[in-house]
Amino acid sequence: MSVGTVGSGQLADAPPSRWRGLLRRHATMPLVLAAVLLATYLWVSSLALDDIERRSLNAGQLFQVTRQHVSISLITTLLVVMIAVSAGVLLTRPALRWLAPFITALANIGQAMPAIGLLVLLSIWLGIGTGTALIGLVAYAVLPVLRNTIAGIDQVDRHLIEAGRGIGMSPLAVLLRVELPLAVPVILAGVRTALVLAVGVATLAIFIDAGGLGGLIVTGIKLQRDPILITGAVLTAALALMLDWLGGVIADLLRPPGLD
């Protein structure tokens, strides 16, 4: 069987043992997160909240800031994947490989800077708002995906690449049907890291008026309201862990069967 991308038919034909393995590896996290969220809800519900806490913790407000946070995080990750995977593929081609150290060093600048400093500098240059927050988050999260894309493609066995060329595959076909499928686990590990970074750093987007769960945390600190602060922190941590869990499930589903 030739090496190829994992299609829907391959997933549908996966042996029952594989699905049992996926369930065994990934069933715990959703249950733990559900228990933590339920415990937080019951704790907050048992308190005598003042007007400020009730306004901050009502269902409509929580849904709005969570939606903003999820939107910022997912758009950031999508942009990072589009930019970093494309750049990583290009930098593994022989003609452009010499640029890899320079582009990696450039991507490292964004992550080397303190996140709040990067967002503030960008807001001075570009103004406040969601667009500026997205640019800052992309600059901060692009390095793991770029580095893992390069590493994932570089670790593909050269004999498999030569075998693909030997049966008449074009360079593009070798990339799409051999290199990228075998590099998927490594690339997705970088994407999971970028997701968690995006969720965490997105809490700072409130400082440039981009919304998100950071508003709850800042309000809780400034007004010394522990229920607001703890709720914002728990929701942020739960969102990061849930997206990381989802990334792990997708990584297992897309892993070529021979690498299980």
C-alpha atoms as a PDB file:
ATOM      1  CA  MET A   1       0.000   0.000   0.000  1.00  0.00           C
ATOM      2  CA  SER A   2       1.529   3.329  -1.032  1.00  0.00           C
ATOM      3  CA  VAL A   3       2.044   6.129   1.440  1.00  0.00           C
ATOM      4  CA  GLY A   4      -0.710   8.723   1.132  1.00  0.00           C
ATOM      5  CA  THR A   5      -2.825  11.168   2.980  1.00  0.00           C
ATOM      6  CA  VAL A   6      -5.336   9.788   5.405  1.00  0.00           C
ATOM      7  CA  GLY A   7      -8.747  10.206   3.845  1.00  0.00           C
ATOM      8  CA  SER A   8     -12.222   9.716   5.196  1.00  0.00           C
ATOM      9  CA  GLY A   9     -12.301   6.167   3.851  1.00  0.00           C
ATOM     10  CA  GLN A  10      -9.207   5.259   5.840  1.00  0.00           C
ATOM     11  CA  LEU A  11     -10.710   6.697   8.999  1.00  0.00           C
ATOM     12  CA  ALA A  12     -13.972   4.840   8.430  1.00  0.00           C
ATOM     13  CA  ASP A  13     -12.062   1.595   7.881  1.00  0.00           C
ATOM     14  CA  ALA A  14      -9.940   1.998  11.007  1.00  0.00           C
ATOM     15  CA  PRO A  15      -9.968  -1.182  13.095  1.00  0.00           C
ATOM     16  CA  PRO A  16     -12.067  -1.183  16.275  1.00  0.00           C
ATOM     17  CA  SER A  17      -8.904  -1.498  18.352  1.00  0.00           C
ATOM     18  CA  ARG A  18      -7.768   1.893  17.078  1.00  0.00           C
ATOM     19  CA  TRP A  19     -11.019   3.564  18.124  1.00  0.00           C
ATOM     20  CA  ARG A  20     -10.820   1.868  21.518  1.00  0.00           C
ATOM     21  CA  GLY A  21      -7.285   3.181  21.882  1.00  0.00           C
ATOM     22  CA  LEU A  22      -8.415   6.708  21.001  1.00  0.00           C
ATOM     23  CA  LEU A  23     -11.230   6.524  23.534  1.00  0.00           C
ATOM     24  CA  ARG A  24      -8.907   5.165  26.215  1.00  0.00           C
ATOM     25  CA  ARG A  25      -6.324   7.919  25.625  1.00  0.00           C
ATOM     26  CA  HIS A  26      -8.704  10.855  25.330  1.00  0.00           C
ATOM     27  CA  ALA A  27     -11.754  10.144  27.501  1.00  0.00           C
ATOM     28  CA  THR A  28     -10.357  11.467  30.778  1.00  0.00           C
ATOM     29  CA  MET A  29      -9.754  15.140  29.993  1.00  0.00           C
ATOM     30  CA  PRO A  30     -13.356  16.125  29.081  1.00  0.00           C
ATOM     31  CA  LEU A  31     -14.616  14.466  32.266  1.00  0.00           C
ATOM     32  CA  VAL A  32     -12.052  16.274  34.416  1.00  0.00           C
ATOM     33  CA  LEU A  33     -12.826  19.634  32.805  1.00  0.00           C
ATOM     34  CA  ALA A  34     -16.574  19.100  33.181  1.00  0.00           C
ATOM     35  CA  ALA A  35     -16.076  18.314  36.880  1.00  0.00           C
ATOM     36  CA  VAL A  36     -13.922  21.419  37.415  1.00  0.00           C
ATOM     37  CA  LEU A  37     -16.396  23.694  35.608  1.00  0.00           C
ATOM     38  CA  LEU A  38     -19.323  22.211  37.529  1.00  0.00           C
ATOM     39  CA  ALA A  39     -17.497  22.659  40.836  1.00  0.00           C
ATOM     40  CA  THR A  40     -16.711  26.282  39.951  1.00  0.00           C
ATOM     41  CA  TYR A  41     -20.337  26.937  39.008  1.00  0.00           C
ATOM     42  CA  LEU A  42     -21.640  25.400  42.236  1.00  0.00           C
ATOM     43  CA  TRP A  43     -19.137  27.385  44.296  1.00  0.00           C
ATOM     44  CA  VAL A  44     -20.022  30.703  42.667  1.00  0.00           C
ATOM     45  CA  SER A  45     -23.758  29.930  42.942  1.00  0.00           C
ATOM     46  CA  SER A  46     -23.386  29.372  46.679  1.00  0.00           C
ATOM     47  CA  LEU A  47     -21.916  32.843  47.268  1.00  0.00           C
ATOM     48  CA  ALA A  48     -23.781  36.040  48.091  1.00  0.00           C
ATOM     49  CA  LEU A  49     -22.625  38.097  45.103  1.00  0.00           C
ATOM     50  CA  ASP A  50     -22.721  41.886  45.051  1.00  0.00           C
ATOM     51  CA  ASP A  51     -23.931  43.939  42.066  1.00  0.00           C
ATOM     52  CA  ILE A  52     -20.494  44.094  40.401  1.00  0.00           C
ATOM     53  CA  GLU A  53     -20.003  40.331  40.652  1.00  0.00           C
ATOM     54  CA  ARG A  54     -23.505  39.594  39.368  1.00  0.00           C
ATOM     55  CA  ARG A  55     -22.999  41.840  36.337  1.00  0.00           C
ATOM     56  CA  SER A  56     -19.638  40.259  35.529  1.00  0.00           C
ATOM     57  CA  LEU A  57     -20.746  36.669  36.090  1.00  0.00           C
ATOM     58  CA  ASN A  58     -24.169  36.611  34.452  1.00  0.00           C
ATOM     59  CA  ALA A  59     -24.605  34.033  31.703  1.00  0.00           C
ATOM     60  CA  GLY A  60     -24.803  36.564  28.855  1.00  0.00           C
ATOM     61  CA  GLN A  61     -21.574  38.310  29.861  1.00  0.00           C
ATOM     62  CA  LEU A  62     -19.698  35.034  30.339  1.00  0.00           C
ATOM     63  CA  PHE A  63     -20.866  33.757  26.953  1.00  0.00           C
ATOM     64  CA  GLN A  64     -19.790  36.992  25.239  1.00  0.00           C
ATOM     65  CA  VAL A  65     -16.262  37.116  26.652  1.00  0.00           C
ATOM     66  CA  THR A  66     -15.769  33.368  26.115  1.00  0.00           C
ATOM     67  CA  ARG A  67     -16.912  33.683  22.511  1.00  0.00           C
ATOM     68  CA  GLN A  68     -14.506  36.585  21.989  1.00  0.00           C
ATOM     69  CA  HIS A  69     -11.651  34.577  23.499  1.00  0.00           C
ATOM     70  CA  VAL A  70     -12.378  31.461  21.443  1.00  0.00           C
ATOM     71  CA  SER A  71     -12.671  33.559  18.282  1.00  0.00           C
ATOM     72  CA  ILE A  72      -9.355  35.334  18.853  1.00  0.00           C
ATOM     73  CA  SER A  73      -7.581  32.067  19.706  1.00  0.00           C
ATOM     74  CA  LEU A  74      -8.919  30.060  16.754  1.00  0.00           C
ATOM     75  CA  ILE A  75      -8.367  32.834  14.191  1.00  0.00           C
ATOM     76  CA  THR A  76      -4.816  33.247  15.506  1.00  0.00           C
ATOM     77  CA  THR A  77      -4.167  29.508  15.184  1.00  0.00           C
ATOM     78  CA  LEU A  78      -5.635  29.384  11.680  1.00  0.00           C
ATOM     79  CA  LEU A  79      -3.413  32.268  10.547  1.00  0.00           C
ATOM     80  CA  VAL A  80      -0.386  30.701  12.227  1.00  0.00           C
ATOM     81  CA  VAL A  81      -0.991  27.359  10.484  1.00  0.00           C
ATOM     82  CA  MET A  82      -1.442  29.011   7.090  1.00  0.00           C
ATOM     83  CA  ILE A  83       1.715  31.117   7.468  1.00  0.00           C
ATOM     84  CA  ALA A  84       3.999  28.731   9.342  1.00  0.00           C
ATOM     85  CA  VAL A  85       3.203  25.496   7.483  1.00  0.00           C
ATOM     86  CA  SER A  86       3.547  27.214   4.100  1.00  0.00           C
ATOM     87  CA  ALA A  87       6.824  28.834   5.144  1.00  0.00           C
ATOM     88  CA  GLY A  88       8.094  25.599   6.689  1.00  0.00           C
ATOM     89  CA  VAL A  89       7.404  23.657   3.495  1.00  0.00           C
ATOM     90  CA  LEU A  90       9.164  26.266   1.376  1.00  0.00           C
ATOM     91  CA  LEU A  91      12.168  26.339   3.707  1.00  0.00           C
ATOM     92  CA  THR A  92      12.653  22.571   3.365  1.00  0.00           C
ATOM     93  CA  ARG A  93      12.988  22.853  -0.421  1.00  0.00           C
ATOM     94  CA  PRO A  94      16.623  22.708  -1.553  1.00  0.00           C
ATOM     95  CA  ALA A  95      16.544  26.127  -3.249  1.00  0.00           C
ATOM     96  CA  LEU A  96      15.373  27.938  -0.106  1.00  0.00           C
ATOM     97  CA  ARG A  97      16.863  25.829   2.658  1.00  0.00           C
ATOM     98  CA  TRP A  98      19.627  28.395   3.240  1.00  0.00           C
ATOM     99  CA  LEU A  99      16.972  30.863   4.432  1.00  0.00           C
ATOM    100  CA  ALA A 100      15.709  28.599   7.220  1.00  0.00           C
ATOM    101  CA  PRO A 101      18.044  29.882  10.007  1.00  0.00           C
ATOM    102  CA  PHE A 102      17.199  33.514   9.207  1.00  0.00           C
ATOM    103  CA  ILE A 103      13.413  32.997   9.064  1.00  0.00           C
ATOM    104  CA  THR A 104      13.469  30.917  12.248  1.00  0.00           C
ATOM    105  CA  ALA A 105      15.466  33.635  14.009  1.00  0.00           C
ATOM    106  CA  LEU A 106      12.953  36.237  12.804  1.00  0.00           C
ATOM    107  CA  ALA A 107      10.043  34.140  14.128  1.00  0.00           C
ATOM    108  CA  ASN A 108      11.888  33.748  17.415  1.00  0.00           C
ATOM    109  CA  ILE A 109      11.879  37.522  17.939  1.00  0.00           C
ATOM    110  CA  GLY A 110       8.111  37.563  18.427  1.00  0.00           C
ATOM    111  CA  GLN A 111       8.230  34.882  21.125  1.00  0.00           C
ATOM    112  CA  ALA A 112      11.348  36.294  22.774  1.00  0.00           C
ATOM    113  CA  MET A 113       9.598  39.598  23.501  1.00  0.00           C
ATOM    114  CA  PRO A 114       7.297  39.843  26.530  1.00  0.00           C
ATOM    115  CA  ALA A 115       3.766  39.360  25.201  1.00  0.00           C
ATOM    116  CA  ILE A 116       2.339  42.457  26.870  1.00  0.00           C
ATOM    117  CA  GLY A 117       5.220  44.552  25.526  1.00  0.00           C
ATOM    118  CA  LEU A 118       4.669  43.248  22.008  1.00  0.00           C
ATOM    119  CA  LEU A 119       0.938  44.046  22.141  1.00  0.00           C
ATOM    120  CA  VAL A 120       1.512  47.536  23.538  1.00  0.00           C
ATOM    121  CA  LEU A 121       4.146  48.378  20.915  1.00  0.00           C
ATOM    122  CA  LEU A 122       1.857  47.151  18.143  1.00  0.00           C
ATOM    123  CA  SER A 123      -1.057  49.179  19.566  1.00  0.00           C
ATOM    124  CA  ILE A 124       1.073  52.329  19.490  1.00  0.00           C
ATOM    125  CA  TRP A 125       1.895  51.645  15.845  1.00  0.00           C
ATOM    126  CA  LEU A 126      -1.403  50.175  14.591  1.00  0.00           C
ATOM    127  CA  GLY A 127      -3.953  51.335  17.146  1.00  0.00           C
ATOM    128  CA  ILE A 128      -6.013  49.279  19.559  1.00  0.00           C
ATOM    129  CA  GLY A 129      -8.518  46.586  18.644  1.00  0.00           C
ATOM    130  CA  THR A 130      -8.879  42.956  17.627  1.00  0.00           C
ATOM    131  CA  GLY A 131      -6.801  43.295  14.447  1.00  0.00           C
ATOM    132  CA  THR A 132      -3.764  44.474  16.388  1.00  0.00           C
ATOM    133  CA  ALA A 133      -4.243  41.688  18.940  1.00  0.00           C
ATOM    134  CA  LEU A 134      -4.323  39.089  16.157  1.00  0.00           C
ATOM    135  CA  ILE A 135      -1.080  40.389  14.645  1.00  0.00           C
ATOM    136  CA  GLY A 136       0.628  40.246  18.032  1.00  0.00           C
ATOM    137  CA  LEU A 137      -0.671  36.771  18.824  1.00  0.00           C
ATOM    138  CA  VAL A 138       0.357  35.419  15.424  1.00  0.00           C
ATOM    139  CA  ALA A 139       3.878  36.827  15.897  1.00  0.00           C
ATOM    140  CA  TYR A 140       4.004  35.237  19.348  1.00  0.00           C
ATOM    141  CA  ALA A 141       2.684  31.783  18.357  1.00  0.00           C
ATOM    142  CA  VAL A 142       4.197  31.225  14.904  1.00  0.00           C
ATOM    143  CA  LEU A 143       7.537  29.763  16.030  1.00  0.00           C
ATOM    144  CA  PRO A 144       6.389  26.316  17.314  1.00  0.00           C
ATOM    145  CA  VAL A 145       4.481  25.519  14.127  1.00  0.00           C
ATOM    146  CA  LEU A 146       7.266  26.772  11.851  1.00  0.00           C
ATOM    147  CA  ARG A 147       9.948  24.863  13.727  1.00  0.00           C
ATOM    148  CA  ASN A 148       7.895  21.650  13.898  1.00  0.00           C
ATOM    149  CA  THR A 149       6.968  21.819  10.215  1.00  0.00           C
ATOM    150  CA  ILE A 150      10.636  22.010   9.249  1.00  0.00           C
ATOM    151  CA  ALA A 151      11.592  19.282  11.727  1.00  0.00           C
ATOM    152  CA  GLY A 152       8.689  17.043  10.712  1.00  0.00           C
ATOM    153  CA  ILE A 153       9.515  17.158   7.014  1.00  0.00           C
ATOM    154  CA  ASP A 154      13.243  16.795   7.633  1.00  0.00           C
ATOM    155  CA  GLN A 155      12.734  13.619   9.682  1.00  0.00           C
ATOM    156  CA  VAL A 156      10.948  11.797   6.831  1.00  0.00           C
ATOM    157  CA  ASP A 157      13.057   8.850   5.664  1.00  0.00           C
ATOM    158  CA  ARG A 158      14.925   9.864   2.503  1.00  0.00           C
ATOM    159  CA  HIS A 159      14.457   6.334   1.152  1.00  0.00           C
ATOM    160  CA  LEU A 160      10.682   6.860   1.060  1.00  0.00           C
ATOM    161  CA  ILE A 161      11.125  10.110  -0.845  1.00  0.00           C
ATOM    162  CA  GLU A 162      13.440   8.450  -3.338  1.00  0.00           C
ATOM    163  CA  ALA A 163      10.994   5.559  -3.694  1.00  0.00           C
ATOM    164  CA  GLY A 164       8.223   8.013  -4.531  1.00  0.00           C
ATOM    165  CA  ARG A 165      10.366   9.686  -7.144  1.00  0.00           C
ATOM    166  CA  GLY A 166      11.379   6.295  -8.475  1.00  0.00           C
ATOM    167  CA  ILE A 167       7.769   5.337  -9.273  1.00  0.00           C
ATOM    168  CA  GLY A 168       7.280   8.547 -11.217  1.00  0.00           C
ATOM    169  CA  MET A 169       5.829  10.965  -8.642  1.00  0.00           C
ATOM    170  CA  SER A 170       6.335  14.656  -9.264  1.00  0.00           C
ATOM    171  CA  PRO A 171       7.997  16.739  -6.503  1.00  0.00           C
ATOM    172  CA  LEU A 172       4.557  18.117  -5.557  1.00  0.00           C
ATOM    173  CA  ALA A 173       3.079  14.612  -5.358  1.00  0.00           C
ATOM    174  CA  VAL A 174       5.963  13.453  -3.157  1.00  0.00           C
ATOM    175  CA  LEU A 175       5.361  16.418  -0.863  1.00  0.00           C
ATOM    176  CA  LEU A 176       1.600  15.898  -0.608  1.00  0.00           C
ATOM    177  CA  ARG A 177       1.520  12.090  -0.527  1.00  0.00           C
ATOM    178  CA  VAL A 178       4.721  11.201   1.315  1.00  0.00           C
ATOM    179  CA  GLU A 179       6.367  14.042   3.224  1.00  0.00           C
ATOM    180  CA  LEU A 180       3.395  15.922   4.682  1.00  0.00           C
ATOM    181  CA  PRO A 181       1.400  12.843   5.806  1.00  0.00           C
ATOM    182  CA  LEU A 182       4.430  11.473   7.650  1.00  0.00           C
ATOM    183  CA  ALA A 183       5.169  14.909   9.142  1.00  0.00           C
ATOM    184  CA  VAL A 184       1.592  15.461  10.361  1.00  0.00           C
ATOM    185  CA  PRO A 185       2.161  14.219  13.968  1.00  0.00           C
ATOM    186  CA  VAL A 186       5.121  16.556  14.453  1.00  0.00           C
ATOM    187  CA  ILE A 187       3.358  19.508  12.794  1.00  0.00           C
ATOM    188  CA  LEU A 188       0.234  19.027  14.905  1.00  0.00           C
ATOM    189  CA  ALA A 189       2.341  18.940  18.064  1.00  0.00           C
ATOM    190  CA  GLY A 190       3.468  22.444  17.128  1.00  0.00           C
ATOM    191  CA  VAL A 191      -0.121  23.486  16.395  1.00  0.00           C
ATOM    192  CA  ARG A 192      -1.211  22.293  19.845  1.00  0.00           C
ATOM    193  CA  THR A 193       1.545  24.364  21.428  1.00  0.00           C
ATOM    194  CA  ALA A 194       0.467  27.387  19.376  1.00  0.00           C
ATOM    195  CA  LEU A 195      -3.162  26.900  20.464  1.00  0.00           C
ATOM    196  CA  VAL A 196      -2.254  26.897  24.147  1.00  0.00           C
ATOM    197  CA  LEU A 197      -0.004  29.945  23.677  1.00  0.00           C
ATOM    198  CA  ALA A 198      -2.775  31.772  21.830  1.00  0.00           C
ATOM    199  CA  VAL A 199      -5.342  31.061  24.552  1.00  0.00           C
ATOM    200  CA  GLY A 200      -2.990  32.154  27.324  1.00  0.00           C
ATOM    201  CA  VAL A 201      -1.664  35.300  25.672  1.00  0.00           C
ATOM    202  CA  ALA A 202      -5.155  36.274  24.446  1.00  0.00           C
ATOM    203  CA  THR A 203      -5.978  37.158  28.057  1.00  0.00           C
ATOM    204  CA  LEU A 204      -3.702  40.187  27.552  1.00  0.00           C
ATOM    205  CA  ALA A 205      -5.745  41.352  24.569  1.00  0.00           C
ATOM    206  CA  ILE A 206      -8.054  43.159  26.991  1.00  0.00           C
ATOM    207  CA  PHE A 207      -5.334  45.786  27.464  1.00  0.00           C
ATOM    208  CA  ILE A 208      -5.728  46.868  23.824  1.00  0.00           C
ATOM    209  CA  ASP A 209      -9.531  46.664  23.853  1.00  0.00           C
ATOM    210  CA  ALA A 210      -9.850  43.303  22.067  1.00  0.00           C
ATOM    211  CA  GLY A 211     -12.063  41.665  24.689  1.00  0.00           C
ATOM    212  CA  GLY A 212     -11.846  38.097  25.900  1.00  0.00           C
ATOM    213  CA  LEU A 213     -11.613  36.361  29.260  1.00  0.00           C
ATOM    214  CA  GLY A 214      -8.792  38.659  30.324  1.00  0.00           C
ATOM    215  CA  GLY A 215     -11.461  41.223  31.187  1.00  0.00           C
ATOM    216  CA  LEU A 216     -12.722  39.005  34.017  1.00  0.00           C
ATOM    217  CA  ILE A 217      -9.225  38.492  35.371  1.00  0.00           C
ATOM    218  CA  VAL A 218      -8.354  42.206  35.249  1.00  0.00           C
ATOM    219  CA  THR A 219     -11.687  43.167  36.843  1.00  0.00           C
ATOM    220  CA  GLY A 220     -11.189  40.600  39.589  1.00  0.00           C
ATOM    221  CA  ILE A 221      -7.694  41.904  40.369  1.00  0.00           C
ATOM    222  CA  LYS A 222      -8.521  45.622  40.197  1.00  0.00           C
ATOM    223  CA  LEU A 223     -11.718  45.392  42.261  1.00  0.00           C
ATOM    224  CA  GLN A 224     -10.490  42.589  44.534  1.00  0.00           C
ATOM    225  CA  ARG A 225     -13.391  40.319  43.615  1.00  0.00           C
ATOM    226  CA  ASP A 226     -12.151  36.743  43.983  1.00  0.00           C
ATOM    227  CA  PRO A 227     -15.214  35.087  42.355  1.00  0.00           C
ATOM    228  CA  ILE A 228     -14.685  37.109  39.163  1.00  0.00           C
ATOM    229  CA  LEU A 229     -10.922  36.485  39.152  1.00  0.00           C
ATOM    230  CA  ILE A 230     -11.212  32.739  39.800  1.00  0.00           C
ATOM    231  CA  THR A 231     -13.993  32.295  37.237  1.00  0.00           C
ATOM    232  CA  GLY A 232     -11.932  34.043  34.544  1.00  0.00           C
ATOM    233  CA  ALA A 233      -8.832  31.997  35.395  1.00  0.00           C
ATOM    234  CA  VAL A 234     -10.731  28.679  35.454  1.00  0.00           C
ATOM    235  CA  LEU A 235     -12.460  29.392  32.129  1.00  0.00           C
ATOM    236  CA  THR A 236      -9.148  30.365  30.506  1.00  0.00           C
ATOM    237  CA  ALA A 237      -7.374  27.243  31.765  1.00  0.00           C
ATOM    238  CA  ALA A 238     -10.312  25.015  30.794  1.00  0.00           C
ATOM    239  CA  LEU A 239     -10.410  26.508  27.292  1.00  0.00           C
ATOM    240  CA  ALA A 240      -6.669  25.970  26.813  1.00  0.00           C
ATOM    241  CA  LEU A 241      -6.869  22.367  28.006  1.00  0.00           C
ATOM    242  CA  MET A 242      -9.963  21.627  25.906  1.00  0.00           C
ATOM    243  CA  LEU A 243      -8.372  22.962  22.719  1.00  0.00           C
ATOM    244  CA  ASP A 244      -5.176  21.035  23.478  1.00  0.00           C
ATOM    245  CA  TRP A 245      -7.305  17.896  23.993  1.00  0.00           C
ATOM    246  CA  LEU A 246      -9.083  18.500  20.696  1.00  0.00           C
ATOM    247  CA  GLY A 247      -5.720  18.929  18.981  1.00  0.00           C
ATOM    248  CA  GLY A 248      -4.583  15.605  20.428  1.00  0.00           C
ATOM    249  CA  VAL A 249      -7.690  13.837  19.121  1.00  0.00           C
ATOM    250  CA  ILE A 250      -7.221  15.309  15.639  1.00  0.00           C
ATOM    251  CA  ALA A 251      -3.523  14.383  15.688  1.00  0.00           C
ATOM    252  CA  ASP A 252      -4.377  10.760  16.488  1.00  0.00           C
ATOM    253  CA  LEU A 253      -7.052  10.642  13.785  1.00  0.00           C
ATOM    254  CA  LEU A 254      -4.697  12.023  11.137  1.00  0.00           C
ATOM    255  CA  ARG A 255      -1.750   9.876  12.140  1.00  0.00           C
ATOM    256  CA  PRO A 256      -0.944   7.388   9.346  1.00  0.00           C
ATOM    257  CA  PRO A 257      -2.070   3.910  10.517  1.00  0.00           C
ATOM    258  CA  GLY A 258       1.408   2.477  10.180  1.00  0.00           C
ATOM    259  CA  LEU A 259       2.682   4.954  12.797  1.00  0.00           C
ATOM    260  CA  ASP A 260       0.190   3.952  15.513  1.00  0.00           C
END
